[in-house]
Amino acid sequence: MRSTSSQNNTVSAYSSINAGKDTLSIVLVNRDISNNQPVRISPVNTTPADSKVYCYQLSNLPATETFVSATQNALKHSETTVNNGTITLALPPLSVTALRIALQSTVGNQPLEETKIRLYPNPAQGYLIVDTSGLEGIIHLTIGDMTGKIVKSLSLGGNSGQTSIDISRLNSGIYNVVLDNNYTKHSRKIVIIAK
């Protein structure tokens, strides 16, 4: 993935998509010592899964060092939003800002439609709620680990609303949840924290 900046002498952008293709990370560097720099980010060929974007920022950095103490120049966490596919924010002087943008998961050419299924909480501990109220028919659900091994498999009724799935026996890690109703296949990554 490549990033371009119209103000490359002042603001640099670096981007990457993780191996699961479900998170876009963008790091923005404002080298201007005294001025905020407005930026507008318009990701191409990706679709944010949510309107919320997580931001992590180091700012007010002295020119000679990048970190002074836990209370001064420490990493700050915030959130911003995606509006019509664009993220707008102001970079503080002499700062580094990292954005984490959750992307819609895909299986083949079928995008995951947030209005049709929901999986939560994520990270999950003990149980996972699957809301399939937007899908019809019998839905086959599989949970696989990152090696591809299926660790749980069951059938759910479509339009039945929410189903609680016991995941208390699964180890901590990242898992791939696939829902298939013979018409479409939806895939989503979840993080499980063992009790």
C-alpha atoms as a PDB file:
ATOM      1  CA  MET A   1       0.000   0.000   0.000  1.00  0.00           C
ATOM      2  CA  ARG A   2       1.321   3.440  -0.930  1.00  0.00           C
ATOM      3  CA  SER A   3       0.591   6.828   0.668  1.00  0.00           C
ATOM      4  CA  THR A   4       0.991  10.237  -0.912  1.00  0.00           C
ATOM      5  CA  SER A   5       1.043  13.676   0.701  1.00  0.00           C
ATOM      6  CA  SER A   6       0.456  16.990  -1.035  1.00  0.00           C
ATOM      7  CA  GLN A   7       2.712  18.628   1.604  1.00  0.00           C
ATOM      8  CA  ASN A   8       5.496  16.056   1.634  1.00  0.00           C
ATOM      9  CA  ASN A   9       8.134  18.525   2.927  1.00  0.00           C
ATOM     10  CA  THR A  10       6.070  19.122   6.084  1.00  0.00           C
ATOM     11  CA  VAL A  11       3.734  16.114   6.469  1.00  0.00           C
ATOM     12  CA  SER A  12       4.657  12.537   5.609  1.00  0.00           C
ATOM     13  CA  ALA A  13       2.271   9.590   5.475  1.00  0.00           C
ATOM     14  CA  TYR A  14       3.113   5.886   5.783  1.00  0.00           C
ATOM     15  CA  SER A  15       0.450   3.186   5.461  1.00  0.00           C
ATOM     16  CA  SER A  16       0.063  -0.576   5.588  1.00  0.00           C
ATOM     17  CA  ILE A  17      -2.675  -3.212   5.693  1.00  0.00           C
ATOM     18  CA  ASN A  18      -2.259  -6.184   8.015  1.00  0.00           C
ATOM     19  CA  ALA A  19      -2.056  -9.779   6.723  1.00  0.00           C
ATOM     20  CA  GLY A  20      -5.734 -10.404   7.544  1.00  0.00           C
ATOM     21  CA  LYS A  21      -6.660  -7.368   5.411  1.00  0.00           C
ATOM     22  CA  ASP A  22      -8.986  -6.143   8.152  1.00  0.00           C
ATOM     23  CA  THR A  23      -6.975  -3.188   9.522  1.00  0.00           C
ATOM     24  CA  LEU A  24      -5.390  -0.239   7.736  1.00  0.00           C
ATOM     25  CA  SER A  25      -2.660   1.557   9.721  1.00  0.00           C
ATOM     26  CA  ILE A  26      -1.529   5.055   8.751  1.00  0.00           C
ATOM     27  CA  VAL A  27       1.317   6.934  10.437  1.00  0.00           C
ATOM     28  CA  LEU A  28       1.437  10.707   9.881  1.00  0.00           C
ATOM     29  CA  VAL A  29       4.470  12.831  10.773  1.00  0.00           C
ATOM     30  CA  ASN A  30       4.194  16.625  11.104  1.00  0.00           C
ATOM     31  CA  ARG A  31       7.708  18.095  10.962  1.00  0.00           C
ATOM     32  CA  ASP A  32       6.521  21.709  11.317  1.00  0.00           C
ATOM     33  CA  ILE A  33       7.903  22.954  14.645  1.00  0.00           C
ATOM     34  CA  SER A  34       5.295  25.646  15.324  1.00  0.00           C
ATOM     35  CA  ASN A  35       2.106  25.034  13.289  1.00  0.00           C
ATOM     36  CA  ASN A  36      -0.755  22.576  13.231  1.00  0.00           C
ATOM     37  CA  GLN A  37      -1.154  20.915   9.853  1.00  0.00           C
ATOM     38  CA  PRO A  38      -4.659  20.035   8.632  1.00  0.00           C
ATOM     39  CA  VAL A  39      -4.863  16.663   6.868  1.00  0.00           C
ATOM     40  CA  ARG A  40      -7.578  14.907   4.932  1.00  0.00           C
ATOM     41  CA  ILE A  41      -7.196  11.171   4.430  1.00  0.00           C
ATOM     42  CA  SER A  42      -9.152   9.405   1.699  1.00  0.00           C
ATOM     43  CA  PRO A  43      -8.322   5.673   1.621  1.00  0.00           C
ATOM     44  CA  VAL A  44      -8.566   4.191  -1.880  1.00  0.00           C
ATOM     45  CA  ASN A  45      -9.698   0.596  -2.646  1.00  0.00           C
ATOM     46  CA  THR A  46     -10.611  -0.023   1.014  1.00  0.00           C
ATOM     47  CA  THR A  47     -13.878   0.372   2.896  1.00  0.00           C
ATOM     48  CA  PRO A  48     -13.856   1.272   6.604  1.00  0.00           C
ATOM     49  CA  ALA A  49     -16.012  -1.146   8.623  1.00  0.00           C
ATOM     50  CA  ASP A  50     -16.956   1.533  11.146  1.00  0.00           C
ATOM     51  CA  SER A  51     -17.207   5.290  11.340  1.00  0.00           C
ATOM     52  CA  LYS A  52     -14.807   5.243  14.303  1.00  0.00           C
ATOM     53  CA  VAL A  53     -11.022   5.536  13.847  1.00  0.00           C
ATOM     54  CA  TYR A  54      -8.539   5.045  16.692  1.00  0.00           C
ATOM     55  CA  CYS A  55      -5.716   7.602  16.949  1.00  0.00           C
ATOM     56  CA  TYR A  56      -2.461   7.370  18.896  1.00  0.00           C
ATOM     57  CA  GLN A  57      -0.322  10.482  19.077  1.00  0.00           C
ATOM     58  CA  LEU A  58       3.009  11.781  20.334  1.00  0.00           C
ATOM     59  CA  SER A  59       3.044  15.589  20.186  1.00  0.00           C
ATOM     60  CA  ASN A  60       4.757  18.690  21.579  1.00  0.00           C
ATOM     61  CA  LEU A  61       8.020  16.896  21.151  1.00  0.00           C
ATOM     62  CA  PRO A  62      11.204  18.866  21.790  1.00  0.00           C
ATOM     63  CA  ALA A  63      13.498  19.005  18.760  1.00  0.00           C
ATOM     64  CA  THR A  64      16.270  17.084  20.536  1.00  0.00           C
ATOM     65  CA  GLU A  65      14.349  14.255  22.219  1.00  0.00           C
ATOM     66  CA  THR A  66      11.194  12.282  21.557  1.00  0.00           C
ATOM     67  CA  PHE A  67      10.050  11.398  25.080  1.00  0.00           C
ATOM     68  CA  VAL A  68      10.496  13.211  28.395  1.00  0.00           C
ATOM     69  CA  SER A  69       8.295  11.456  30.979  1.00  0.00           C
ATOM     70  CA  ALA A  70       5.039   9.557  31.482  1.00  0.00           C
ATOM     71  CA  THR A  71       3.199  12.860  31.994  1.00  0.00           C
ATOM     72  CA  GLN A  72       4.975  14.992  29.371  1.00  0.00           C
ATOM     73  CA  ASN A  73       4.982  13.941  25.673  1.00  0.00           C
ATOM     74  CA  ALA A  74       3.392  10.574  26.484  1.00  0.00           C
ATOM     75  CA  LEU A  75       1.337   8.712  23.933  1.00  0.00           C
ATOM     76  CA  LYS A  76      -2.230  10.062  23.813  1.00  0.00           C
ATOM     77  CA  HIS A  77      -5.217   8.005  22.648  1.00  0.00           C
ATOM     78  CA  SER A  78      -8.260   9.518  20.946  1.00  0.00           C
ATOM     79  CA  GLU A  79     -10.903   8.728  18.357  1.00  0.00           C
ATOM     80  CA  THR A  80     -12.060  10.467  15.218  1.00  0.00           C
ATOM     81  CA  THR A  81     -14.667   9.583  12.609  1.00  0.00           C
ATOM     82  CA  VAL A  82     -14.925   8.687   8.942  1.00  0.00           C
ATOM     83  CA  ASN A  83     -17.329  10.955   7.052  1.00  0.00           C
ATOM     84  CA  ASN A  84     -18.176   9.988   3.466  1.00  0.00           C
ATOM     85  CA  GLY A  85     -15.010   7.875   3.268  1.00  0.00           C
ATOM     86  CA  THR A  86     -12.740  10.714   4.442  1.00  0.00           C
ATOM     87  CA  ILE A  87     -10.927  11.307   7.727  1.00  0.00           C
ATOM     88  CA  THR A  88     -10.124  14.922   8.614  1.00  0.00           C
ATOM     89  CA  LEU A  89      -7.885  15.978  11.490  1.00  0.00           C
ATOM     90  CA  ALA A  90      -5.261  18.527  12.538  1.00  0.00           C
ATOM     91  CA  LEU A  91      -1.748  17.320  13.329  1.00  0.00           C
ATOM     92  CA  PRO A  92      -0.115  19.214  16.216  1.00  0.00           C
ATOM     93  CA  PRO A  93       3.326  20.755  15.646  1.00  0.00           C
ATOM     94  CA  LEU A  94       6.230  18.306  15.644  1.00  0.00           C
ATOM     95  CA  SER A  95       4.081  15.218  16.133  1.00  0.00           C
ATOM     96  CA  VAL A  96       3.640  11.596  15.127  1.00  0.00           C
ATOM     97  CA  THR A  97       0.060  10.319  14.760  1.00  0.00           C
ATOM     98  CA  ALA A  98      -0.902   6.696  14.100  1.00  0.00           C
ATOM     99  CA  LEU A  99      -4.406   5.787  12.892  1.00  0.00           C
ATOM    100  CA  ARG A 100      -5.973   2.306  13.078  1.00  0.00           C
ATOM    101  CA  ILE A 101      -8.881   1.881  10.672  1.00  0.00           C
ATOM    102  CA  ALA A 102     -10.942  -1.315  10.831  1.00  0.00           C
ATOM    103  CA  LEU A 103     -11.823  -2.468   7.317  1.00  0.00           C
ATOM    104  CA  GLN A 104     -14.738  -4.519   6.081  1.00  0.00           C
ATOM    105  CA  SER A 105     -13.734  -8.177   5.925  1.00  0.00           C
ATOM    106  CA  THR A 106     -14.244 -10.078   2.715  1.00  0.00           C
ATOM    107  CA  VAL A 107     -14.468 -13.671   1.571  1.00  0.00           C
ATOM    108  CA  GLY A 108     -13.996 -13.874  -2.184  1.00  0.00           C
ATOM    109  CA  ASN A 109     -15.845 -10.880  -3.610  1.00  0.00           C
ATOM    110  CA  GLN A 110     -18.574 -10.754  -0.947  1.00  0.00           C
ATOM    111  CA  PRO A 111     -18.171  -7.811   1.458  1.00  0.00           C
ATOM    112  CA  LEU A 112     -19.196  -8.280   5.058  1.00  0.00           C
ATOM    113  CA  GLU A 113     -22.341  -6.225   5.495  1.00  0.00           C
ATOM    114  CA  GLU A 114     -22.472  -4.793   8.989  1.00  0.00           C
ATOM    115  CA  THR A 115     -26.259  -4.438   8.723  1.00  0.00           C
ATOM    116  CA  LYS A 116     -26.684  -8.207   8.256  1.00  0.00           C
ATOM    117  CA  ILE A 117     -24.520  -9.761  10.947  1.00  0.00           C
ATOM    118  CA  ARG A 118     -22.798  -8.625  14.110  1.00  0.00           C
ATOM    119  CA  LEU A 119     -20.300 -10.409  16.348  1.00  0.00           C
ATOM    120  CA  TYR A 120     -19.608  -9.005  19.797  1.00  0.00           C
ATOM    121  CA  PRO A 121     -17.937  -8.417  22.171  1.00  0.00           C
ATOM    122  CA  ASN A 122     -14.597  -8.289  20.388  1.00  0.00           C
ATOM    123  CA  PRO A 123     -12.307  -9.092  22.217  1.00  0.00           C
ATOM    124  CA  ALA A 124     -14.540 -11.841  23.651  1.00  0.00           C
ATOM    125  CA  GLN A 125     -14.140 -13.778  26.873  1.00  0.00           C
ATOM    126  CA  GLY A 126     -16.320 -16.757  27.769  1.00  0.00           C
ATOM    127  CA  TYR A 127     -19.048 -16.115  25.195  1.00  0.00           C
ATOM    128  CA  LEU A 128     -19.607 -14.560  21.781  1.00  0.00           C
ATOM    129  CA  ILE A 129     -22.909 -13.031  20.659  1.00  0.00           C
ATOM    130  CA  VAL A 130     -23.779 -13.616  16.984  1.00  0.00           C
ATOM    131  CA  ASP A 131     -26.631 -11.513  15.586  1.00  0.00           C
ATOM    132  CA  THR A 132     -27.863 -13.012  12.285  1.00  0.00           C
ATOM    133  CA  SER A 133     -31.254 -11.304  12.134  1.00  0.00           C
ATOM    134  CA  GLY A 134     -30.512  -9.964   8.630  1.00  0.00           C
ATOM    135  CA  LEU A 135     -29.679 -13.350   7.074  1.00  0.00           C
ATOM    136  CA  GLU A 136     -32.179 -15.963   5.929  1.00  0.00           C
ATOM    137  CA  GLY A 137     -32.139 -19.745   6.157  1.00  0.00           C
ATOM    138  CA  ILE A 138     -29.897 -22.058   8.125  1.00  0.00           C
ATOM    139  CA  ILE A 139     -26.515 -20.482   8.776  1.00  0.00           C
ATOM    140  CA  HIS A 140     -23.456 -22.657   9.298  1.00  0.00           C
ATOM    141  CA  LEU A 141     -20.936 -21.022  11.647  1.00  0.00           C
ATOM    142  CA  THR A 142     -17.324 -22.134  12.001  1.00  0.00           C
ATOM    143  CA  ILE A 143     -14.602 -20.720  14.211  1.00  0.00           C
ATOM    144  CA  GLY A 144     -11.057 -21.452  13.074  1.00  0.00           C
ATOM    145  CA  ASP A 145      -7.685 -20.616  14.559  1.00  0.00           C
ATOM    146  CA  MET A 146      -4.942 -18.877  12.580  1.00  0.00           C
ATOM    147  CA  THR A 147      -3.555 -22.217  11.351  1.00  0.00           C
ATOM    148  CA  GLY A 148      -6.913 -22.947   9.678  1.00  0.00           C
ATOM    149  CA  LYS A 149      -7.956 -25.626  12.178  1.00  0.00           C
ATOM    150  CA  ILE A 150     -11.717 -25.557  12.889  1.00  0.00           C
ATOM    151  CA  VAL A 151     -12.196 -25.357  16.671  1.00  0.00           C
ATOM    152  CA  LYS A 152     -15.982 -24.922  16.778  1.00  0.00           C
ATOM    153  CA  SER A 153     -18.780 -25.581  14.286  1.00  0.00           C
ATOM    154  CA  LEU A 154     -22.564 -25.236  14.620  1.00  0.00           C
ATOM    155  CA  SER A 155     -25.749 -24.291  12.759  1.00  0.00           C
ATOM    156  CA  LEU A 156     -27.861 -21.230  13.522  1.00  0.00           C
ATOM    157  CA  GLY A 157     -31.341 -20.280  12.315  1.00  0.00           C
ATOM    158  CA  GLY A 158     -31.497 -17.127  10.199  1.00  0.00           C
ATOM    159  CA  ASN A 159     -33.732 -14.235  11.290  1.00  0.00           C
ATOM    160  CA  SER A 160     -33.537 -15.685  14.796  1.00  0.00           C
ATOM    161  CA  GLY A 161     -31.767 -12.663  16.216  1.00  0.00           C
ATOM    162  CA  GLN A 162     -28.988 -13.133  18.710  1.00  0.00           C
ATOM    163  CA  THR A 163     -27.291 -16.384  19.673  1.00  0.00           C
ATOM    164  CA  SER A 164     -24.814 -16.700  22.547  1.00  0.00           C
ATOM    165  CA  ILE A 165     -21.949 -19.096  21.776  1.00  0.00           C
ATOM    166  CA  ASP A 166     -19.838 -20.619  24.541  1.00  0.00           C
ATOM    167  CA  ILE A 167     -16.152 -20.015  23.773  1.00  0.00           C
ATOM    168  CA  SER A 168     -14.876 -20.555  27.332  1.00  0.00           C
ATOM    169  CA  ARG A 169     -12.821 -23.623  26.325  1.00  0.00           C
ATOM    170  CA  LEU A 170     -10.917 -21.844  23.553  1.00  0.00           C
ATOM    171  CA  ASN A 171      -7.368 -20.584  24.090  1.00  0.00           C
ATOM    172  CA  SER A 172      -6.477 -16.903  23.872  1.00  0.00           C
ATOM    173  CA  GLY A 173      -5.757 -15.783  20.327  1.00  0.00           C
ATOM    174  CA  ILE A 174      -7.115 -14.477  17.040  1.00  0.00           C
ATOM    175  CA  TYR A 175      -9.799 -16.560  15.349  1.00  0.00           C
ATOM    176  CA  ASN A 176     -11.629 -16.403  12.033  1.00  0.00           C
ATOM    177  CA  VAL A 177     -15.438 -16.708  12.241  1.00  0.00           C
ATOM    178  CA  VAL A 178     -17.169 -17.742   8.991  1.00  0.00           C
ATOM    179  CA  LEU A 179     -20.962 -17.643   8.521  1.00  0.00           C
ATOM    180  CA  ASP A 180     -22.346 -19.384   5.434  1.00  0.00           C
ATOM    181  CA  ASN A 181     -26.043 -19.588   4.504  1.00  0.00           C
ATOM    182  CA  ASN A 182     -25.458 -21.207   1.062  1.00  0.00           C
ATOM    183  CA  TYR A 183     -26.031 -17.828  -0.640  1.00  0.00           C
ATOM    184  CA  THR A 184     -23.250 -15.732   0.821  1.00  0.00           C
ATOM    185  CA  LYS A 185     -20.262 -16.278   3.033  1.00  0.00           C
ATOM    186  CA  HIS A 186     -19.181 -13.748   5.636  1.00  0.00           C
ATOM    187  CA  SER A 187     -15.862 -13.760   7.482  1.00  0.00           C
ATOM    188  CA  ARG A 188     -14.776 -11.794  10.540  1.00  0.00           C
ATOM    189  CA  LYS A 189     -11.714 -11.855  12.783  1.00  0.00           C
ATOM    190  CA  ILE A 190     -12.259 -11.949  16.548  1.00  0.00           C
ATOM    191  CA  VAL A 191      -9.905 -11.911  19.503  1.00  0.00           C
ATOM    192  CA  ILE A 192     -10.599 -14.400  22.294  1.00  0.00           C
ATOM    193  CA  ILE A 193      -9.193 -13.908  25.779  1.00  0.00           C
ATOM    194  CA  ALA A 194      -9.155 -17.123  27.829  1.00  0.00           C
ATOM    195  CA  LYS A 195     -10.575 -16.926  31.350  1.00  0.00           C
END
